Amino acid sequence: MIEYLKMAIIALITGVTLPLPVSSAAHFNFFSNIAGLSGDNRRFSFYYSFFVLVFSLVVLFTFRKTVIRGFKLAFSSEGEIKSRDNKYFVKNILFSILPSLVLFIPVSKGKLLMDYLDNFFNTNGLILAGIASIVTACVLIIAMWYTAKTRNPLRRAVDKKTVLRMSFYQLPCYVIPGFSHIATGAVNLFISDIGSRNLVGQLYIYLAPSMFFISIVKVIRDVLSGVVFDPAVLISGAVIFALASRLVISLTTKINFRRLFAFFCGYSIIFGIFITAISFFI
């Protein structure tokens, strides 16, 4: 029962923070250490990768009408302009996955670049997560300040170059805890001058494919390598996580999300400093 309660709390916290421009990995890391849930480093990484996988599925389910419509119109003749625009959508989806292939470059026998980076960085350490959380928030603040100074009234649509940059910016998020997927993606969209009205939907839709691809590979490899976990505890946590993240996604799509970024930046800096300081006592 205690394990179920620990997982429920951590799943709820991770589900609330992952769709926001704050580091869900840093929150997961901190509260897992406090609760004693993380165990060994491999099981810690497995739990978080599983939550990222669930999040990508929640995003695809939430925006399923947009995604399905985009793919249908891309391969139909329902109007030249609509078909052309949605072909760009399909290309963007494909381009969003390409940068993630870098992590699967073999560096030695039986070792991928992803494995090497996971071993190099202590993914269970709070110091690294705290510093990365602070750096991410500062970069987002700079991007917000810069785009406020150079705001273009004619907002652009997302193109393949924007998606490629956003996907490359995501790579550190998969190997270094503390970098926020949403915050780093938002930095790219701000610099690319994507309109606030489209910001949230574009963030979630174009981040989900690479998150799904990388996380499902990690989860499968961890299971095949013999990571020990309780399926019932994990499934109960996944349900709580899915409900929490779905609720947050629904809220962010109904408000002007960009106006809250300054608050989340301040929170990330404070939280990063806190967990960095407290790491010396845990």
Protein backbone atom coordinates (compact mmCIF):
# COMPACT_ATOMS: atom_id res chain seq x y z
CA MET A 1 0.00 0.00 0.00
CA ILE A 2 2.89 2.36 0.80
CA GLU A 3 4.41 1.78 -2.64
CA TYR A 4 1.07 2.57 -4.30
CA LEU A 5 0.83 5.80 -2.31
CA LYS A 6 4.39 6.82 -3.19
CA MET A 7 3.80 6.13 -6.86
CA ALA A 8 0.48 8.00 -6.80
CA ILE A 9 2.08 11.14 -5.36
CA ILE A 10 5.03 11.08 -7.77
CA ALA A 11 2.80 10.30 -10.76
CA LEU A 12 0.54 13.22 -9.86
CA ILE A 13 3.47 15.65 -9.51
CA THR A 14 5.07 14.45 -12.75
CA GLY A 15 1.75 14.56 -14.59
CA VAL A 16 1.17 18.16 -13.54
CA THR A 17 4.71 19.38 -14.33
CA LEU A 18 5.48 17.60 -17.61
CA PRO A 19 3.05 19.68 -19.75
CA LEU A 20 4.38 22.91 -18.17
CA PRO A 21 7.62 24.84 -18.87
CA VAL A 22 9.18 23.52 -15.66
CA SER A 23 11.40 20.49 -15.34
CA SER A 24 9.27 17.42 -14.68
CA ALA A 25 12.46 15.34 -14.50
CA ALA A 26 13.80 17.53 -11.69
CA HIS A 27 10.50 17.21 -9.79
CA PHE A 28 10.38 13.46 -10.41
CA ASN A 29 14.01 13.15 -9.34
CA PHE A 30 13.56 15.14 -6.14
CA PHE A 31 10.33 13.53 -4.93
CA SER A 32 11.51 10.04 -5.89
CA ASN A 33 14.59 10.53 -3.74
CA ILE A 34 12.47 11.86 -0.88
CA ALA A 35 10.01 8.97 -1.12
CA GLY A 36 12.71 6.38 -1.68
CA LEU A 37 10.91 5.13 -4.79
CA SER A 38 13.68 5.48 -7.34
CA GLY A 39 15.78 2.58 -6.06
CA ASP A 40 18.66 1.91 -8.46
CA ASN A 41 19.44 4.26 -11.29
CA ARG A 42 18.07 1.93 -13.98
CA ARG A 43 14.66 1.61 -12.32
CA PHE A 44 14.58 5.39 -11.81
CA SER A 45 15.17 5.99 -15.53
CA PHE A 46 12.62 3.33 -16.45
CA TYR A 47 9.85 4.95 -14.39
CA TYR A 48 10.43 8.37 -15.91
CA SER A 49 10.72 7.04 -19.47
CA PHE A 50 7.42 5.24 -18.97
CA PHE A 51 5.74 8.48 -17.86
CA VAL A 52 7.14 10.31 -20.92
CA LEU A 53 5.72 7.53 -23.11
CA VAL A 54 2.30 7.90 -21.48
CA PHE A 55 2.49 11.69 -21.92
CA SER A 56 3.12 11.37 -25.66
CA LEU A 57 0.07 9.11 -25.94
CA VAL A 58 -2.04 11.56 -23.93
CA VAL A 59 -1.01 14.37 -26.30
CA LEU A 60 -1.87 12.31 -29.37
CA PHE A 61 -5.22 11.40 -27.84
CA THR A 62 -5.98 15.02 -26.88
CA PHE A 63 -5.16 16.38 -30.34
CA ARG A 64 -6.32 13.27 -32.22
CA LYS A 65 -8.80 15.20 -34.38
CA THR A 66 -6.11 17.61 -35.55
CA VAL A 67 -3.62 14.82 -36.25
CA ILE A 68 -6.11 12.54 -38.00
CA ARG A 69 -7.49 15.40 -40.09
CA GLY A 70 -3.97 16.45 -41.05
CA PHE A 71 -3.03 12.99 -42.28
CA LYS A 72 -6.34 12.46 -44.08
CA LEU A 73 -6.15 15.74 -46.00
CA ALA A 74 -2.48 15.18 -46.80
CA PHE A 75 -3.31 12.13 -48.87
CA SER A 76 -6.58 13.30 -50.33
CA SER A 77 -7.53 15.70 -53.13
CA GLU A 78 -9.87 17.79 -50.98
CA GLY A 79 -8.73 21.16 -52.17
CA GLU A 80 -5.24 22.02 -53.38
CA ILE A 81 -4.46 24.54 -50.61
CA LYS A 82 -5.76 22.37 -47.77
CA SER A 83 -3.94 19.34 -49.11
CA ARG A 84 -0.71 21.32 -49.50
CA ASP A 85 -0.88 22.76 -45.98
CA ASN A 86 -1.52 19.35 -44.45
CA LYS A 87 1.28 17.76 -46.45
CA TYR A 88 3.50 20.24 -44.64
CA PHE A 89 1.97 18.97 -41.41
CA VAL A 90 2.92 15.38 -42.23
CA LYS A 91 6.43 16.45 -43.24
CA ASN A 92 6.77 18.37 -39.98
CA ILE A 93 5.82 15.25 -38.03
CA LEU A 94 8.49 13.26 -39.84
CA PHE A 95 11.11 15.98 -39.38
CA SER A 96 10.30 16.14 -35.67
CA ILE A 97 11.55 12.55 -35.30
CA LEU A 98 14.75 12.83 -37.37
CA PRO A 99 16.99 14.57 -34.76
CA SER A 100 16.18 11.88 -32.19
CA LEU A 101 17.94 9.33 -34.40
CA VAL A 102 21.23 10.89 -33.26
CA LEU A 103 20.79 9.20 -29.89
CA PHE A 104 20.78 5.78 -31.56
CA ILE A 105 24.22 6.13 -33.17
CA PRO A 106 26.33 3.10 -32.10
CA VAL A 107 29.50 4.15 -30.27
CA SER A 108 30.76 0.73 -29.22
CA LYS A 109 29.71 -2.90 -29.26
CA GLY A 110 26.21 -3.11 -27.86
CA LYS A 111 26.28 0.57 -26.79
CA LEU A 112 24.42 3.47 -28.35
CA LEU A 113 25.16 7.14 -27.92
CA MET A 114 22.06 7.28 -25.71
CA ASP A 115 23.56 4.64 -23.38
CA TYR A 116 26.89 6.44 -23.25
CA LEU A 117 25.27 9.74 -22.32
CA ASP A 118 23.04 8.08 -19.70
CA ASN A 119 26.12 6.58 -18.09
CA PHE A 120 28.10 9.82 -18.31
CA PHE A 121 25.42 11.95 -16.66
CA ASN A 122 24.17 10.95 -13.25
CA THR A 123 20.45 10.95 -14.03
CA ASN A 124 19.64 10.36 -10.37
CA GLY A 125 21.62 13.36 -9.13
CA LEU A 126 19.88 16.46 -7.85
CA ILE A 127 22.76 18.88 -8.44
CA LEU A 128 22.72 18.40 -12.22
CA ALA A 129 18.91 18.56 -12.31
CA GLY A 130 18.90 21.78 -10.29
CA ILE A 131 21.51 23.51 -12.45
CA ALA A 132 19.79 22.42 -15.67
CA SER A 133 16.47 23.70 -14.37
CA ILE A 134 18.00 27.12 -13.67
CA VAL A 135 19.74 27.28 -17.06
CA THR A 136 16.55 26.33 -18.92
CA ALA A 137 14.55 29.02 -17.14
CA CYS A 138 17.19 31.67 -17.87
CA VAL A 139 17.31 30.77 -21.57
CA LEU A 140 13.51 30.97 -21.74
CA ILE A 141 13.56 34.39 -20.07
CA ILE A 142 16.10 35.64 -22.63
CA ALA A 143 13.98 34.27 -25.50
CA MET A 144 10.85 35.94 -24.14
CA TRP A 145 12.66 39.26 -23.69
CA TYR A 146 14.21 39.09 -27.16
CA THR A 147 10.94 38.29 -28.93
CA ALA A 148 9.13 41.03 -27.00
CA LYS A 149 11.65 43.51 -28.41
CA THR A 150 11.44 42.21 -31.98
CA ARG A 151 7.80 41.13 -32.14
CA ASN A 152 6.49 40.69 -35.65
CA PRO A 153 2.75 41.35 -36.03
CA LEU A 154 2.61 38.80 -38.87
CA ARG A 155 3.00 35.51 -37.02
CA ARG A 156 4.46 32.66 -39.02
CA ALA A 157 3.24 29.07 -39.23
CA VAL A 158 5.47 26.21 -38.14
CA ASP A 159 7.69 24.92 -40.95
CA LYS A 160 10.14 22.02 -41.17
CA LYS A 161 13.13 24.17 -40.17
CA THR A 162 11.34 25.27 -37.00
CA VAL A 163 10.41 21.68 -36.17
CA LEU A 164 13.97 20.48 -36.80
CA ARG A 165 15.41 23.12 -34.48
CA MET A 166 12.84 22.38 -31.82
CA SER A 167 13.62 18.67 -32.02
CA PHE A 168 17.37 19.27 -31.77
CA TYR A 169 16.78 21.47 -28.73
CA GLN A 170 14.98 18.51 -27.14
CA LEU A 171 17.97 16.16 -27.26
CA PRO A 172 19.50 17.32 -23.93
CA CYS A 173 16.10 16.76 -22.27
CA TYR A 174 16.39 13.03 -22.93
CA VAL A 175 19.82 12.60 -21.33
CA ILE A 176 20.17 15.42 -18.77
CA PRO A 177 17.52 15.73 -16.05
CA GLY A 178 16.42 19.30 -15.44
CA PHE A 179 15.93 20.50 -19.01
CA SER A 180 12.22 21.02 -19.65
CA HIS A 181 10.76 19.69 -22.91
CA ILE A 182 8.10 22.39 -22.99
CA ALA A 183 10.47 25.23 -22.06
CA THR A 184 13.14 24.33 -24.63
CA GLY A 185 10.47 23.83 -27.29
CA ALA A 186 8.94 27.20 -26.43
CA VAL A 187 12.33 28.91 -26.80
CA ASN A 188 12.48 27.75 -30.40
CA LEU A 189 8.89 28.77 -31.17
CA PHE A 190 9.44 32.21 -29.61
CA ILE A 191 12.58 32.78 -31.70
CA SER A 192 10.76 31.49 -34.79
CA ASP A 193 7.98 34.03 -34.08
CA ILE A 194 5.14 31.53 -33.84
CA GLY A 195 1.93 33.23 -32.72
CA SER A 196 0.71 32.83 -29.12
CA ARG A 197 -2.58 31.47 -30.38
CA ASN A 198 -0.83 28.48 -31.95
CA LEU A 199 1.93 28.10 -29.39
CA VAL A 200 0.53 25.44 -27.07
CA GLY A 201 -0.91 23.15 -29.71
CA GLN A 202 2.25 23.30 -31.83
CA LEU A 203 4.41 22.57 -28.80
CA TYR A 204 2.54 19.46 -27.78
CA ILE A 205 1.86 18.05 -31.24
CA TYR A 206 5.41 18.37 -32.57
CA LEU A 207 7.11 17.22 -29.36
CA ALA A 208 4.98 14.10 -28.96
CA PRO A 209 6.38 11.96 -31.86
CA SER A 210 10.03 12.10 -30.77
CA MET A 211 9.04 11.71 -27.11
CA PHE A 212 7.05 8.59 -28.03
CA PHE A 213 9.82 7.17 -30.22
CA ILE A 214 12.66 7.62 -27.72
CA SER A 215 10.70 6.68 -24.61
CA ILE A 216 9.20 3.49 -26.06
CA VAL A 217 12.66 2.32 -27.14
CA LYS A 218 14.01 3.05 -23.66
CA VAL A 219 11.11 1.26 -21.96
CA ILE A 220 11.40 -1.84 -24.16
CA ARG A 221 15.17 -2.03 -23.69
CA ASP A 222 14.84 -1.65 -19.92
CA VAL A 223 12.23 -4.40 -19.73
CA LEU A 224 14.33 -6.74 -21.88
CA SER A 225 17.42 -6.01 -19.78
CA GLY A 226 15.61 -7.16 -16.65
CA VAL A 227 14.71 -3.97 -14.77
CA VAL A 228 12.67 -5.04 -11.74
CA PHE A 229 9.38 -3.24 -11.13
CA ASP A 230 5.87 -3.94 -9.88
CA PRO A 231 3.48 -3.85 -12.89
CA ALA A 232 0.44 -3.09 -10.73
CA VAL A 233 2.15 -0.13 -9.05
CA LEU A 234 3.39 1.16 -12.41
CA ILE A 235 -0.02 0.87 -14.08
CA SER A 236 -1.78 2.63 -11.19
CA GLY A 237 0.79 5.42 -11.42
CA ALA A 238 0.32 5.65 -15.20
CA VAL A 239 -3.44 6.13 -14.80
CA ILE A 240 -2.96 8.94 -12.27
CA PHE A 241 -0.26 10.50 -14.44
CA ALA A 242 -2.44 10.36 -17.56
CA LEU A 243 -5.41 12.00 -15.82
CA ALA A 244 -3.24 14.75 -14.32
CA SER A 245 -1.40 15.55 -17.57
CA ARG A 246 -4.66 15.48 -19.56
CA LEU A 247 -6.19 18.01 -17.17
CA VAL A 248 -3.18 20.34 -17.39
CA ILE A 249 -3.11 20.13 -21.19
CA SER A 250 -6.81 21.04 -21.30
CA LEU A 251 -6.18 24.06 -19.08
CA THR A 252 -3.16 25.31 -21.04
CA THR A 253 -5.09 25.22 -24.32
CA LYS A 254 -7.83 27.45 -22.89
CA ILE A 255 -5.66 30.26 -21.51
CA ASN A 256 -2.94 32.56 -22.81
CA PHE A 257 -0.17 30.20 -21.80
CA ARG A 258 2.61 32.56 -22.82
CA ARG A 259 1.63 35.11 -20.17
CA LEU A 260 2.41 32.55 -17.46
CA PHE A 261 5.88 31.70 -18.73
CA ALA A 262 7.52 34.41 -16.63
CA PHE A 263 5.97 32.91 -13.49
CA PHE A 264 7.14 29.41 -14.40
CA CYS A 265 10.64 30.73 -15.11
CA GLY A 266 10.83 32.28 -11.65
CA TYR A 267 9.51 29.10 -10.09
CA SER A 268 12.05 26.95 -12.00
CA ILE A 269 14.95 29.10 -10.81
CA ILE A 270 13.81 28.93 -7.18
CA PHE A 271 13.15 25.19 -7.37
CA GLY A 272 16.49 24.59 -9.09
CA ILE A 273 18.38 26.50 -6.40
CA PHE A 274 16.43 24.63 -3.70
CA ILE A 275 17.13 21.11 -4.94
CA THR A 276 20.76 21.97 -5.68
CA ALA A 277 21.22 23.17 -2.11
CA ILE A 278 19.29 20.32 -0.52
CA SER A 279 21.18 17.70 -2.55
CA PHE A 280 24.10 18.08 -0.11
CA PHE A 281 21.87 16.82 2.72
CA ILE A 282 20.04 13.96 0.96
